[in-house]
Amino acid sequence: MNLSRWTSMALIAAGVSAALGILLGGDIGRVLDVIALLLLGTLPALRLVILAVSWTRVRDFKFATAAISLLLLMMLGTALVVLLT
């Protein structure tokens, strides 16, 4: 399975989860909405990991370092949001 297929499946799953979350409401709806947000939030991180690995395989360490740095920055931002809320 390639990255575009994973992205398409994740977007469809996020859309279905968000729609069901709106329709069902309550605690179950909130859980489904969180699942949709997690699916949408992990897609850029997954893409960065795949790019970093592929750039490392072709020995392009400058771009691999940039991808890893951006991934760490995203993780730091997520940690700050979790800690401050």
Protein backbone atom coordinates (compact mmCIF):
# COMPACT_ATOMS: atom_id res chain seq x y z
CA MET A 1 0.00 0.00 0.00
CA ASN A 2 1.41 3.39 -0.92
CA LEU A 3 1.13 6.68 0.93
CA SER A 4 -1.66 8.08 -1.24
CA ARG A 5 -3.83 5.06 -0.49
CA TRP A 6 -3.19 5.42 3.26
CA THR A 7 -4.00 9.12 3.06
CA SER A 8 -7.24 8.48 1.19
CA MET A 9 -8.33 5.79 3.62
CA ALA A 10 -7.48 7.97 6.63
CA LEU A 11 -9.43 10.92 5.20
CA ILE A 12 -12.46 8.75 4.50
CA ALA A 13 -12.28 7.22 7.99
CA ALA A 14 -11.95 10.69 9.55
CA GLY A 15 -14.95 11.96 7.59
CA VAL A 16 -17.09 8.99 8.56
CA SER A 17 -16.00 9.25 12.18
CA ALA A 18 -16.75 12.99 12.31
CA ALA A 19 -20.16 12.53 10.66
CA LEU A 20 -21.10 9.74 13.07
CA GLY A 21 -19.83 11.85 15.96
CA ILE A 22 -22.17 14.66 14.96
CA LEU A 23 -25.13 12.34 14.42
CA LEU A 24 -24.71 10.30 17.60
CA GLY A 25 -23.75 13.08 19.99
CA GLY A 26 -23.02 12.54 23.66
CA ASP A 27 -19.94 10.74 24.90
CA ILE A 28 -19.76 8.37 21.95
CA GLY A 29 -19.97 11.29 19.55
CA ARG A 30 -17.18 13.08 21.38
CA VAL A 31 -14.96 9.99 21.18
CA LEU A 32 -15.64 9.67 17.44
CA ASP A 33 -14.80 13.37 16.94
CA VAL A 34 -11.51 12.92 18.78
CA ILE A 35 -10.72 9.90 16.61
CA ALA A 36 -11.37 12.00 13.50
CA LEU A 37 -9.03 14.74 14.75
CA LEU A 38 -6.33 12.21 15.61
CA LEU A 39 -6.53 10.69 12.15
CA LEU A 40 -6.19 14.11 10.54
CA GLY A 41 -3.38 15.11 12.90
CA THR A 42 -1.24 12.05 12.30
CA LEU A 43 -1.21 12.34 8.50
CA PRO A 44 1.41 15.13 8.30
CA ALA A 45 3.58 13.37 10.87
CA LEU A 46 3.38 10.10 8.94
CA ARG A 47 4.37 11.90 5.76
CA LEU A 48 7.38 13.49 7.49
CA VAL A 49 8.54 10.12 8.82
CA ILE A 50 8.27 8.53 5.37
CA LEU A 51 10.13 11.43 3.76
CA ALA A 52 12.87 11.33 6.41
CA VAL A 53 13.37 7.60 5.90
CA SER A 54 13.46 7.88 2.12
CA TRP A 55 15.89 10.82 2.23
CA THR A 56 18.12 8.90 4.62
CA ARG A 57 18.14 5.89 2.28
CA VAL A 58 19.40 8.04 -0.60
CA ARG A 59 21.92 9.67 1.76
CA ASP A 60 20.41 13.14 1.56
CA PHE A 61 21.01 13.94 5.19
CA LYS A 62 20.29 17.66 4.88
CA PHE A 63 16.64 17.07 3.98
CA ALA A 64 16.34 14.13 6.38
CA THR A 65 17.56 16.35 9.21
CA ALA A 66 15.07 19.05 8.21
CA ALA A 67 12.20 16.53 8.22
CA ILE A 68 13.20 15.14 11.62
CA SER A 69 13.56 18.67 13.01
CA LEU A 70 10.09 19.59 11.79
CA LEU A 71 8.69 16.39 13.27
CA LEU A 72 10.28 17.20 16.63
CA LEU A 73 8.86 20.72 16.45
CA MET A 74 5.39 19.28 15.82
CA MET A 75 5.82 16.93 18.79
CA LEU A 76 6.92 19.81 21.02
CA GLY A 77 3.92 21.89 19.98
CA THR A 78 1.58 19.00 20.66
CA ALA A 79 3.14 18.40 24.07
CA LEU A 80 2.76 22.08 24.96
CA VAL A 81 -0.90 22.07 23.97
CA VAL A 82 -1.55 18.94 26.03
CA LEU A 83 0.29 20.31 29.06
CA LEU A 84 -1.30 23.74 28.96
CA THR A 85 -4.90 22.60 28.54
